[in-house]
Amino acid sequence: MSHESVQPYQRIVQDVRDKIRSGRLTAGTKLPSTRELSGEYGVAPGTVQRALAELRVAGLIYSHQGRGSFITETASESNEDSTARTLKRLEEQVSDLVARLEKIERGGND
C-alpha cells in the first residue's frame, strides 16, 4: 500500500505500529508531542489527534493529560508474542518439509 492511497492519520498509525514491531518503540517510550508529530508528518494537529485516538483504541498507546502519550506494555508484549508464534509456525513447517524430503529420499511410498 503506497502512502498516497492512505489517509494521513493512517500513515501515522502504520508508522507507529511498524516502529513497535521493529522494536524501535518499546513499552513506556514517550511519543513526540502532537505539535512535533504534526511537523514531522506535515499534517494538522487534528490529524495527529485522530491517529493517537486510533492507537489508544488499539491498545498500543496510553495518554496522560499534560504528560504525553506512551507505548503500552501490551504493545511490546503482543509484538513478542507474534514473533514467537511466527517462529513456532516456521519451525513446524521446516520439520514437515524435512520429513517429506526424507520420505522422498527413501523412495517415497511409505
PDB file of N, CA and C in Angstrom:
ATOM      1  N   MET A   1       0.858  -1.174   0.000  1.00  0.00           N
ATOM      2  CA  MET A   1       0.000   0.000   0.000  1.00  0.00           C
ATOM      3  C   MET A   1       0.900   1.232   0.000  1.00  0.00           C
ATOM      4  N   SER A   2       0.726   2.109  -0.960  1.00  0.00           N
ATOM      5  CA  SER A   2       1.557   3.306  -1.046  1.00  0.00           C
ATOM      6  C   SER A   2       1.033   4.367  -0.094  1.00  0.00           C
ATOM      7  N   HIS A   3       1.908   5.320   0.252  1.00  0.00           N
ATOM      8  CA  HIS A   3       1.498   6.393   1.155  1.00  0.00           C
ATOM      9  C   HIS A   3       0.388   7.247   0.562  1.00  0.00           C
ATOM     10  N   GLU A   4       0.312   7.314  -0.776  1.00  0.00           N
ATOM     11  CA  GLU A   4      -0.712   8.146  -1.403  1.00  0.00           C
ATOM     12  C   GLU A   4      -2.105   7.556  -1.250  1.00  0.00           C
ATOM     13  N   SER A   5      -2.196   6.238  -1.044  1.00  0.00           N
ATOM     14  CA  SER A   5      -3.502   5.587  -1.002  1.00  0.00           C
ATOM     15  C   SER A   5      -4.091   5.526   0.401  1.00  0.00           C
ATOM     16  N   VAL A   6      -3.399   6.046   1.392  1.00  0.00           N
ATOM     17  CA  VAL A   6      -3.920   6.021   2.757  1.00  0.00           C
ATOM     18  C   VAL A   6      -4.128   7.442   3.267  1.00  0.00           C
ATOM     19  N   GLN A   7      -5.048   7.552   4.197  1.00  0.00           N
ATOM     20  CA  GLN A   7      -5.293   8.851   4.832  1.00  0.00           C
ATOM     21  C   GLN A   7      -4.060   9.232   5.662  1.00  0.00           C
ATOM     22  N   PRO A   8      -3.798  10.516   5.827  1.00  0.00           N
ATOM     23  CA  PRO A   8      -2.617  10.937   6.599  1.00  0.00           C
ATOM     24  C   PRO A   8      -2.586  10.359   8.017  1.00  0.00           C
ATOM     25  N   TYR A   9      -3.729  10.288   8.705  1.00  0.00           N
ATOM     26  CA  TYR A   9      -3.718   9.750  10.065  1.00  0.00           C
ATOM     27  C   TYR A   9      -3.372   8.263  10.051  1.00  0.00           C
ATOM     28  N   GLN A  10      -3.777   7.548   8.985  1.00  0.00           N
ATOM     29  CA  GLN A  10      -3.468   6.125   8.879  1.00  0.00           C
ATOM     30  C   GLN A  10      -1.970   5.897   8.683  1.00  0.00           C
ATOM     31  N   ARG A  11      -1.329   6.810   7.991  1.00  0.00           N
ATOM     32  CA  ARG A  11       0.118   6.721   7.781  1.00  0.00           C
ATOM     33  C   ARG A  11       0.838   6.821   9.127  1.00  0.00           C
ATOM     34  N   ILE A  12       0.376   7.731   9.987  1.00  0.00           N
ATOM     35  CA  ILE A  12       0.979   7.885  11.316  1.00  0.00           C
ATOM     36  C   ILE A  12       0.763   6.611  12.124  1.00  0.00           C
ATOM     37  N   VAL A  13      -0.469   6.094  12.111  1.00  0.00           N
ATOM     38  CA  VAL A  13      -0.790   4.860  12.833  1.00  0.00           C
ATOM     39  C   VAL A  13       0.112   3.725  12.350  1.00  0.00           C
ATOM     40  N   GLN A  14       0.241   3.578  11.047  1.00  0.00           N
ATOM     41  CA  GLN A  14       1.059   2.495  10.493  1.00  0.00           C
ATOM     42  C   GLN A  14       2.527   2.667  10.853  1.00  0.00           C
ATOM     43  N   ASP A  15       3.020   3.894  10.815  1.00  0.00           N
ATOM     44  CA  ASP A  15       4.420   4.138  11.179  1.00  0.00           C
ATOM     45  C   ASP A  15       4.679   3.758  12.636  1.00  0.00           C
ATOM     46  N   VAL A  16       3.762   4.126  13.535  1.00  0.00           N
ATOM     47  CA  VAL A  16       3.928   3.772  14.949  1.00  0.00           C
ATOM     48  C   VAL A  16       3.876   2.250  15.109  1.00  0.00           C
ATOM     49  N   ARG A  17       2.921   1.600  14.442  1.00  0.00           N
ATOM     50  CA  ARG A  17       2.843   0.125  14.501  1.00  0.00           C
ATOM     51  C   ARG A  17       4.149  -0.500  14.011  1.00  0.00           C
ATOM     52  N   ASP A  18       4.681   0.001  12.909  1.00  0.00           N
ATOM     53  CA  ASP A  18       5.925  -0.536  12.349  1.00  0.00           C
ATOM     54  C   ASP A  18       7.092  -0.345  13.327  1.00  0.00           C
ATOM     55  N   LYS A  19       7.131   0.801  13.975  1.00  0.00           N
ATOM     56  CA  LYS A  19       8.212   1.073  14.941  1.00  0.00           C
ATOM     57  C   LYS A  19       8.094   0.160  16.162  1.00  0.00           C
ATOM     58  N   ILE A  20       6.879  -0.160  16.569  1.00  0.00           N
ATOM     59  CA  ILE A  20       6.680  -1.098  17.677  1.00  0.00           C
ATOM     60  C   ILE A  20       7.143  -2.488  17.245  1.00  0.00           C
ATOM     61  N   ARG A  21       6.701  -2.911  16.059  1.00  0.00           N
ATOM     62  CA  ARG A  21       7.085  -4.227  15.540  1.00  0.00           C
ATOM     63  C   ARG A  21       8.604  -4.385  15.440  1.00  0.00           C
ATOM     64  N   SER A  22       9.271  -3.342  14.987  1.00  0.00           N
ATOM     65  CA  SER A  22      10.724  -3.424  14.781  1.00  0.00           C
ATOM     66  C   SER A  22      11.507  -3.251  16.076  1.00  0.00           C
ATOM     67  N   GLY A  23      10.815  -2.871  17.152  1.00  0.00           N
ATOM     68  CA  GLY A  23      11.491  -2.681  18.427  1.00  0.00           C
ATOM     69  C   GLY A  23      12.051  -1.286  18.632  1.00  0.00           C
ATOM     70  N   ARG A  24      11.813  -0.387  17.670  1.00  0.00           N
ATOM     71  CA  ARG A  24      12.299   0.989  17.834  1.00  0.00           C
ATOM     72  C   ARG A  24      11.489   1.743  18.879  1.00  0.00           C
ATOM     73  N   LEU A  25      10.242   1.319  19.092  1.00  0.00           N
ATOM     74  CA  LEU A  25       9.417   1.869  20.166  1.00  0.00           C
ATOM     75  C   LEU A  25       9.066   0.716  21.100  1.00  0.00           C
ATOM     76  N   THR A  26       9.417   0.871  22.361  1.00  0.00           N
ATOM     77  CA  THR A  26       9.163  -0.188  23.337  1.00  0.00           C
ATOM     78  C   THR A  26       8.265   0.335  24.448  1.00  0.00           C
ATOM     79  N   ALA A  27       7.799  -0.585  25.286  1.00  0.00           N
ATOM     80  CA  ALA A  27       6.901  -0.234  26.379  1.00  0.00           C
ATOM     81  C   ALA A  27       7.453   0.933  27.192  1.00  0.00           C
ATOM     82  N   GLY A  28       6.591   1.916  27.423  1.00  0.00           N
ATOM     83  CA  GLY A  28       6.967   3.072  28.226  1.00  0.00           C
ATOM     84  C   GLY A  28       7.595   4.206  27.446  1.00  0.00           C
ATOM     85  N   THR A  29       7.934   3.986  26.195  1.00  0.00           N
ATOM     86  CA  THR A  29       8.544   5.036  25.380  1.00  0.00           C
ATOM     87  C   THR A  29       7.535   6.154  25.155  1.00  0.00           C
ATOM     88  N   LYS A  30       7.980   7.383  25.371  1.00  0.00           N
ATOM     89  CA  LYS A  30       7.118   8.540  25.151  1.00  0.00           C
ATOM     90  C   LYS A  30       7.159   8.925  23.678  1.00  0.00           C
ATOM     91  N   LEU A  31       5.984   9.119  23.107  1.00  0.00           N
ATOM     92  CA  LEU A  31       5.897   9.591  21.725  1.00  0.00           C
ATOM     93  C   LEU A  31       6.170  11.092  21.678  1.00  0.00           C
ATOM     94  N   PRO A  32       6.605  11.592  20.536  1.00  0.00           N
ATOM     95  CA  PRO A  32       6.747  13.050  20.398  1.00  0.00           C
ATOM     96  C   PRO A  32       5.395  13.739  20.636  1.00  0.00           C
ATOM     97  N   SER A  33       5.438  15.016  20.927  1.00  0.00           N
ATOM     98  CA  SER A  33       4.209  15.781  21.164  1.00  0.00           C
ATOM     99  C   SER A  33       3.376  15.878  19.885  1.00  0.00           C
ATOM    100  N   THR A  34       2.119  16.240  20.064  1.00  0.00           N
ATOM    101  CA  THR A  34       1.231  16.435  18.914  1.00  0.00           C
ATOM    102  C   THR A  34       1.840  17.445  17.949  1.00  0.00           C
ATOM    103  N   ARG A  35       2.389  18.521  18.478  1.00  0.00           N
ATOM    104  CA  ARG A  35       2.985  19.552  17.632  1.00  0.00           C
ATOM    105  C   ARG A  35       4.190  19.006  16.868  1.00  0.00           C
ATOM    106  N   GLU A  36       5.023  18.208  17.550  1.00  0.00           N
ATOM    107  CA  GLU A  36       6.194  17.628  16.882  1.00  0.00           C
ATOM    108  C   GLU A  36       5.781  16.637  15.792  1.00  0.00           C
ATOM    109  N   LEU A  37       4.796  15.789  16.107  1.00  0.00           N
ATOM    110  CA  LEU A  37       4.317  14.825  15.108  1.00  0.00           C
ATOM    111  C   LEU A  37       3.669  15.537  13.928  1.00  0.00           C
ATOM    112  N   SER A  38       2.949  16.611  14.235  1.00  0.00           N
ATOM    113  CA  SER A  38       2.312  17.408  13.187  1.00  0.00           C
ATOM    114  C   SER A  38       3.361  17.943  12.219  1.00  0.00           C
ATOM    115  N   GLY A  39       4.459  18.459  12.751  1.00  0.00           N
ATOM    116  CA  GLY A  39       5.540  18.963  11.911  1.00  0.00           C
ATOM    117  C   GLY A  39       6.250  17.852  11.158  1.00  0.00           C
ATOM    118  N   GLU A  40       6.489  16.729  11.837  1.00  0.00           N
ATOM    119  CA  GLU A  40       7.195  15.605  11.218  1.00  0.00           C
ATOM    120  C   GLU A  40       6.437  15.050  10.016  1.00  0.00           C
ATOM    121  N   TYR A  41       5.109  14.956  10.148  1.00  0.00           N
ATOM    122  CA  TYR A  41       4.295  14.368   9.071  1.00  0.00           C
ATOM    123  C   TYR A  41       3.683  15.409   8.146  1.00  0.00           C
ATOM    124  N   GLY A  42       3.834  16.684   8.490  1.00  0.00           N
ATOM    125  CA  GLY A  42       3.280  17.739   7.649  1.00  0.00           C
ATOM    126  C   GLY A  42       1.763  17.743   7.621  1.00  0.00           C
ATOM    127  N   VAL A  43       1.154  17.493   8.783  1.00  0.00           N
ATOM    128  CA  VAL A  43      -0.304  17.429   8.876  1.00  0.00           C
ATOM    129  C   VAL A  43      -0.788  18.344  10.001  1.00  0.00           C
ATOM    130  N   ALA A  44      -2.074  18.578  10.034  1.00  0.00           N
ATOM    131  CA  ALA A  44      -2.675  19.401  11.083  1.00  0.00           C
ATOM    132  C   ALA A  44      -2.675  18.638  12.410  1.00  0.00           C
ATOM    133  N   PRO A  45      -2.644  19.370  13.524  1.00  0.00           N
ATOM    134  CA  PRO A  45      -2.693  18.709  14.837  1.00  0.00           C
ATOM    135  C   PRO A  45      -3.906  17.790  15.005  1.00  0.00           C
ATOM    136  N   GLY A  46      -5.025  18.144  14.408  1.00  0.00           N
ATOM    137  CA  GLY A  46      -6.218  17.304  14.493  1.00  0.00           C
ATOM    138  C   GLY A  46      -6.007  15.940  13.850  1.00  0.00           C
ATOM    139  N   THR A  47      -5.211  15.899  12.796  1.00  0.00           N
ATOM    140  CA  THR A  47      -4.891  14.632  12.136  1.00  0.00           C
ATOM    141  C   THR A  47      -4.068  13.754  13.073  1.00  0.00           C
ATOM    142  N   VAL A  48      -3.115  14.360  13.767  1.00  0.00           N
ATOM    143  CA  VAL A  48      -2.295  13.622  14.736  1.00  0.00           C
ATOM    144  C   VAL A  48      -3.192  13.110  15.865  1.00  0.00           C
ATOM    145  N   GLN A  49      -4.093  13.958  16.341  1.00  0.00           N
ATOM    146  CA  GLN A  49      -5.002  13.544  17.416  1.00  0.00           C
ATOM    147  C   GLN A  49      -5.844  12.342  16.994  1.00  0.00           C
ATOM    148  N   ARG A  50      -6.284  12.337  15.742  1.00  0.00           N
ATOM    149  CA  ARG A  50      -7.079  11.207  15.240  1.00  0.00           C
ATOM    150  C   ARG A  50      -6.236   9.929  15.228  1.00  0.00           C
ATOM    151  N   ALA A  51      -4.985  10.037  14.818  1.00  0.00           N
ATOM    152  CA  ALA A  51      -4.087   8.880  14.811  1.00  0.00           C
ATOM    153  C   ALA A  51      -3.854   8.381  16.234  1.00  0.00           C
ATOM    154  N   LEU A  52      -3.614   9.295  17.158  1.00  0.00           N
ATOM    155  CA  LEU A  52      -3.393   8.903  18.542  1.00  0.00           C
ATOM    156  C   LEU A  52      -4.629   8.233  19.130  1.00  0.00           C
ATOM    157  N   ALA A  53      -5.808   8.736  18.781  1.00  0.00           N
ATOM    158  CA  ALA A  53      -7.048   8.118  19.253  1.00  0.00           C
ATOM    159  C   ALA A  53      -7.160   6.681  18.753  1.00  0.00           C
ATOM    160  N   GLU A  54      -6.806   6.464  17.487  1.00  0.00           N
ATOM    161  CA  GLU A  54      -6.869   5.109  16.930  1.00  0.00           C
ATOM    162  C   GLU A  54      -5.853   4.192  17.610  1.00  0.00           C
ATOM    163  N   LEU A  55      -4.687   4.703  17.893  1.00  0.00           N
ATOM    164  CA  LEU A  55      -3.666   3.912  18.578  1.00  0.00           C
ATOM    165  C   LEU A  55      -4.098   3.575  20.006  1.00  0.00           C
ATOM    166  N   ARG A  56      -4.804   4.511  20.663  1.00  0.00           N
ATOM    167  CA  ARG A  56      -5.333   4.240  22.012  1.00  0.00           C
ATOM    168  C   ARG A  56      -6.379   3.141  21.962  1.00  0.00           C
ATOM    169  N   VAL A  57      -7.303   3.230  21.006  1.00  0.00           N
ATOM    170  CA  VAL A  57      -8.356   2.221  20.862  1.00  0.00           C
ATOM    171  C   VAL A  57      -7.748   0.844  20.600  1.00  0.00           C
ATOM    172  N   ALA A  58      -6.658   0.812  19.839  1.00  0.00           N
ATOM    173  CA  ALA A  58      -5.985  -0.453  19.518  1.00  0.00           C
ATOM    174  C   ALA A  58      -5.175  -0.980  20.703  1.00  0.00           C
ATOM    175  N   GLY A  59      -5.067  -0.178  21.765  1.00  0.00           N
ATOM    176  CA  GLY A  59      -4.325  -0.611  22.942  1.00  0.00           C
ATOM    177  C   GLY A  59      -2.821  -0.507  22.797  1.00  0.00           C
ATOM    178  N   LEU A  60      -2.367   0.279  21.840  1.00  0.00           N
ATOM    179  CA  LEU A  60      -0.930   0.403  21.609  1.00  0.00           C
ATOM    180  C   LEU A  60      -0.295   1.556  22.378  1.00  0.00           C
ATOM    181  N   ILE A  61      -1.104   2.566  22.722  1.00  0.00           N
ATOM    182  CA  ILE A  61      -0.591   3.690  23.500  1.00  0.00           C
ATOM    183  C   ILE A  61      -1.595   4.050  24.590  1.00  0.00           C
ATOM    184  N   TYR A  62      -1.101   4.780  25.577  1.00  0.00           N
ATOM    185  CA  TYR A  62      -1.969   5.411  26.563  1.00  0.00           C
ATOM    186  C   TYR A  62      -1.492   6.842  26.706  1.00  0.00           C
ATOM    187  N   SER A  63      -2.379   7.725  27.122  1.00  0.00           N
ATOM    188  CA  SER A  63      -2.033   9.139  27.217  1.00  0.00           C
ATOM    189  C   SER A  63      -2.345   9.663  28.606  1.00  0.00           C
ATOM    190  N   HIS A  64      -1.500  10.582  29.065  1.00  0.00           N
ATOM    191  CA  HIS A  64      -1.726  11.301  30.310  1.00  0.00           C
ATOM    192  C   HIS A  64      -1.805  12.773  29.966  1.00  0.00           C
ATOM    193  N   GLN A  65      -2.881  13.421  30.367  1.00  0.00           N
ATOM    194  CA  GLN A  65      -3.056  14.847  30.116  1.00  0.00           C
ATOM    195  C   GLN A  65      -1.853  15.619  30.646  1.00  0.00           C
ATOM    196  N   GLY A  66      -1.242  16.396  29.769  1.00  0.00           N
ATOM    197  CA  GLY A  66      -0.116  17.231  30.162  1.00  0.00           C
ATOM    198  C   GLY A  66       1.224  16.513  30.186  1.00  0.00           C
ATOM    199  N   ARG A  67       1.225  15.184  30.092  1.00  0.00           N
ATOM    200  CA  ARG A  67       2.495  14.436  30.116  1.00  0.00           C
ATOM    201  C   ARG A  67       2.833  13.819  28.769  1.00  0.00           C
ATOM    202  N   GLY A  68       1.804  13.479  27.985  1.00  0.00           N
ATOM    203  CA  GLY A  68       2.063  12.918  26.670  1.00  0.00           C
ATOM    204  C   GLY A  68       1.482  11.537  26.480  1.00  0.00           C
ATOM    205  N   SER A  69       1.889  10.903  25.389  1.00  0.00           N
ATOM    206  CA  SER A  69       1.423   9.568  25.028  1.00  0.00           C
ATOM    207  C   SER A  69       2.598   8.603  25.082  1.00  0.00           C
ATOM    208  N   PHE A  70       2.318   7.392  25.547  1.00  0.00           N
ATOM    209  CA  PHE A  70       3.349   6.394  25.785  1.00  0.00           C
ATOM    210  C   PHE A  70       2.938   5.053  25.195  1.00  0.00           C
ATOM    211  N   ILE A  71       3.925   4.242  24.817  1.00  0.00           N
ATOM    212  CA  ILE A  71       3.676   2.892  24.308  1.00  0.00           C
ATOM    213  C   ILE A  71       3.269   2.008  25.487  1.00  0.00           C
ATOM    214  N   THR A  72       2.214   1.226  25.312  1.00  0.00           N
ATOM    215  CA  THR A  72       1.744   0.338  26.375  1.00  0.00           C
ATOM    216  C   THR A  72       2.635  -0.890  26.520  1.00  0.00           C
ATOM    217  N   GLU A  73       2.559  -1.516  27.685  1.00  0.00           N
ATOM    218  CA  GLU A  73       3.271  -2.779  27.923  1.00  0.00           C
ATOM    219  C   GLU A  73       2.765  -3.840  26.940  1.00  0.00           C
ATOM    220  N   THR A  74       1.457  -3.866  26.733  1.00  0.00           N
ATOM    221  CA  THR A  74       0.874  -4.911  25.891  1.00  0.00           C
ATOM    222  C   THR A  74       1.262  -4.757  24.426  1.00  0.00           C
ATOM    223  N   ALA A  75       1.584  -3.548  23.989  1.00  0.00           N
ATOM    224  CA  ALA A  75       2.005  -3.353  22.593  1.00  0.00           C
ATOM    225  C   ALA A  75       3.295  -4.118  22.341  1.00  0.00           C
ATOM    226  N   SER A  76       4.263  -3.985  23.244  1.00  0.00           N
ATOM    227  CA  SER A  76       5.533  -4.692  23.093  1.00  0.00           C
ATOM    228  C   SER A  76       5.344  -6.184  23.284  1.00  0.00           C
ATOM    229  N   GLU A  77       4.515  -6.560  24.260  1.00  0.00           N
ATOM    230  CA  GLU A  77       4.270  -7.985  24.512  1.00  0.00           C
ATOM    231  C   GLU A  77       3.611  -8.639  23.317  1.00  0.00           C
ATOM    232  N   SER A  78       2.617  -7.966  22.736  1.00  0.00           N
ATOM    233  CA  SER A  78       1.933  -8.570  21.597  1.00  0.00           C
ATOM    234  C   SER A  78       2.890  -8.723  20.424  1.00  0.00           C
ATOM    235  N   ASN A  79       3.845  -7.809  20.296  1.00  0.00           N
ATOM    236  CA  ASN A  79       4.854  -7.937  19.255  1.00  0.00           C
ATOM    237  C   ASN A  79       5.725  -9.164  19.527  1.00  0.00           C
ATOM    238  N   GLU A  80       6.138  -9.361  20.789  1.00  0.00           N
ATOM    239  CA  GLU A  80       6.944 -10.524  21.144  1.00  0.00           C
ATOM    240  C   GLU A  80       6.154 -11.808  20.945  1.00  0.00           C
ATOM    241  N   ASP A  81       4.884 -11.815  21.359  1.00  0.00           N
ATOM    242  CA  ASP A  81       4.036 -12.997  21.183  1.00  0.00           C
ATOM    243  C   ASP A  81       3.889 -13.325  19.704  1.00  0.00           C
ATOM    244  N   SER A  82       3.696 -12.308  18.895  1.00  0.00           N
ATOM    245  CA  SER A  82       3.541 -12.502  17.456  1.00  0.00           C
ATOM    246  C   SER A  82       4.811 -13.097  16.862  1.00  0.00           C
ATOM    247  N   THR A  83       5.958 -12.600  17.283  1.00  0.00           N
ATOM    248  CA  THR A  83       7.231 -13.125  16.797  1.00  0.00           C
ATOM    249  C   THR A  83       7.401 -14.580  17.217  1.00  0.00           C
ATOM    250  N   ALA A  84       7.061 -14.894  18.456  1.00  0.00           N
ATOM    251  CA  ALA A  84       7.182 -16.271  18.943  1.00  0.00           C
ATOM    252  C   ALA A  84       6.266 -17.209  18.152  1.00  0.00           C
ATOM    253  N   ARG A  85       5.038 -16.767  17.880  1.00  0.00           N
ATOM    254  CA  ARG A  85       4.103 -17.589  17.100  1.00  0.00           C
ATOM    255  C   ARG A  85       4.618 -17.801  15.686  1.00  0.00           C
ATOM    256  N   THR A  86       5.163 -16.758  15.089  1.00  0.00           N
ATOM    257  CA  THR A  86       5.704 -16.870  13.740  1.00  0.00           C
ATOM    258  C   THR A  86       6.868 -17.851  13.713  1.00  0.00           C
ATOM    259  N   LEU A  87       7.766 -17.747  14.669  1.00  0.00           N
ATOM    260  CA  LEU A  87       8.900 -18.669  14.735  1.00  0.00           C
ATOM    261  C   LEU A  87       8.431 -20.108  14.936  1.00  0.00           C
ATOM    262  N   LYS A  88       7.430 -20.312  15.786  1.00  0.00           N
ATOM    263  CA  LYS A  88       6.897 -21.654  16.026  1.00  0.00           C
ATOM    264  C   LYS A  88       6.322 -22.231  14.731  1.00  0.00           C
ATOM    265  N   ARG A  89       5.555 -21.426  13.985  1.00  0.00           N
ATOM    266  CA  ARG A  89       4.990 -21.887  12.705  1.00  0.00           C
ATOM    267  C   ARG A  89       6.098 -22.245  11.719  1.00  0.00           C
ATOM    268  N   LEU A  90       7.131 -21.425  11.653  1.00  0.00           N
ATOM    269  CA  LEU A  90       8.244 -21.699  10.746  1.00  0.00           C
ATOM    270  C   LEU A  90       8.962 -22.989  11.141  1.00  0.00           C
ATOM    271  N   GLU A  91       9.155 -23.201  12.441  1.00  0.00           N
ATOM    272  CA  GLU A  91       9.791 -24.437  12.897  1.00  0.00           C
ATOM    273  C   GLU A  91       8.958 -25.650  12.490  1.00  0.00           C
ATOM    274  N   GLU A  92       7.643 -25.551  12.637  1.00  0.00           N
ATOM    275  CA  GLU A  92       6.767 -26.659  12.257  1.00  0.00           C
ATOM    276  C   GLU A  92       6.821 -26.916  10.756  1.00  0.00           C
ATOM    277  N   GLN A  93       6.857 -25.856   9.965  1.00  0.00           N
ATOM    278  CA  GLN A  93       6.933 -26.015   8.514  1.00  0.00           C
ATOM    279  C   GLN A  93       8.260 -26.653   8.098  1.00  0.00           C
ATOM    280  N   VAL A  94       9.350 -26.231   8.717  1.00  0.00           N
ATOM    281  CA  VAL A  94      10.651 -26.812   8.401  1.00  0.00           C
ATOM    282  C   VAL A  94      10.658 -28.290   8.772  1.00  0.00           C
ATOM    283  N   SER A  95      10.125 -28.615   9.927  1.00  0.00           N
ATOM    284  CA  SER A  95      10.060 -30.012  10.365  1.00  0.00           C
ATOM    285  C   SER A  95       9.256 -30.851   9.371  1.00  0.00           C
ATOM    286  N   ASP A  96       8.122 -30.319   8.934  1.00  0.00           N
ATOM    287  CA  ASP A  96       7.289 -31.020   7.962  1.00  0.00           C
ATOM    288  C   ASP A  96       8.037 -31.210   6.635  1.00  0.00           C
ATOM    289  N   LEU A  97       8.724 -30.179   6.187  1.00  0.00           N
ATOM    290  CA  LEU A  97       9.481 -30.277   4.937  1.00  0.00           C
ATOM    291  C   LEU A  97      10.624 -31.284   5.045  1.00  0.00           C
ATOM    292  N   VAL A  98      11.297 -31.333   6.189  1.00  0.00           N
ATOM    293  CA  VAL A  98      12.374 -32.301   6.396  1.00  0.00           C
ATOM    294  C   VAL A  98      11.807 -33.714   6.323  1.00  0.00           C
ATOM    295  N   ALA A  99      10.657 -33.933   6.979  1.00  0.00           N
ATOM    296  CA  ALA A  99      10.026 -35.257   6.949  1.00  0.00           C
ATOM    297  C   ALA A  99       9.641 -35.640   5.521  1.00  0.00           C
ATOM    298  N   ARG A 100       9.102 -34.722   4.768  1.00  0.00           N
ATOM    299  CA  ARG A 100       8.736 -35.008   3.371  1.00  0.00           C
ATOM    300  C   ARG A 100       9.970 -35.325   2.528  1.00  0.00           C
ATOM    301  N   LEU A 101      11.032 -34.568   2.722  1.00  0.00           N
ATOM    302  CA  LEU A 101      12.262 -34.797   1.974  1.00  0.00           C
ATOM    303  C   LEU A 101      12.850 -36.171   2.298  1.00  0.00           C
ATOM    304  N   GLU A 102      12.858 -36.515   3.581  1.00  0.00           N
ATOM    305  CA  GLU A 102      13.373 -37.829   3.977  1.00  0.00           C
ATOM    306  C   GLU A 102      12.546 -38.940   3.342  1.00  0.00           C
ATOM    307  N   LYS A 103      11.240 -38.760   3.288  1.00  0.00           N
ATOM    308  CA  LYS A 103      10.357 -39.758   2.672  1.00  0.00           C
ATOM    309  C   LYS A 103      10.678 -39.899   1.185  1.00  0.00           C
ATOM    310  N   ILE A 104      10.881 -38.782   0.507  1.00  0.00           N
ATOM    311  CA  ILE A 104      11.211 -38.806  -0.924  1.00  0.00           C
ATOM    312  C   ILE A 104      12.546 -39.510  -1.142  1.00  0.00           C
ATOM    313  N   GLU A 105      13.523 -39.211  -0.295  1.00  0.00           N
ATOM    314  CA  GLU A 105      14.853 -39.803  -0.425  1.00  0.00           C
ATOM    315  C   GLU A 105      14.820 -41.326  -0.169  1.00  0.00           C
ATOM    316  N   ARG A 106      13.893 -41.798   0.675  1.00  0.00           N
ATOM    317  CA  ARG A 106      13.765 -43.230   0.967  1.00  0.00           C
ATOM    318  C   ARG A 106      13.033 -43.988  -0.122  1.00  0.00           C
ATOM    319  N   GLY A 107      12.434 -43.312  -1.037  1.00  0.00           N
ATOM    320  CA  GLY A 107      11.707 -43.984  -2.110  1.00  0.00           C
ATOM    321  C   GLY A 107      10.250 -43.656  -2.114  1.00  0.00           C
ATOM    322  N   GLY A 108       9.821 -42.959  -1.156  1.00  0.00           N
ATOM    323  CA  GLY A 108       8.564 -42.258  -1.227  1.00  0.00           C
ATOM    324  C   GLY A 108       7.266 -42.864  -0.827  1.00  0.00           C
ATOM    325  N   ASN A 109       7.011 -44.131  -0.865  1.00  0.00           N
ATOM    326  CA  ASN A 109       5.616 -44.579  -0.732  1.00  0.00           C
ATOM    327  C   ASN A 109       5.283 -45.154   0.639  1.00  0.00           C
ATOM    328  N   ASP A 110       5.987 -44.831   1.692  1.00  0.00           N
ATOM    329  CA  ASP A 110       5.560 -45.400   2.951  1.00  0.00           C
ATOM    330  C   ASP A 110       4.589 -44.555   3.655  1.00  0.00           C
TER     331      ASP A 110
END
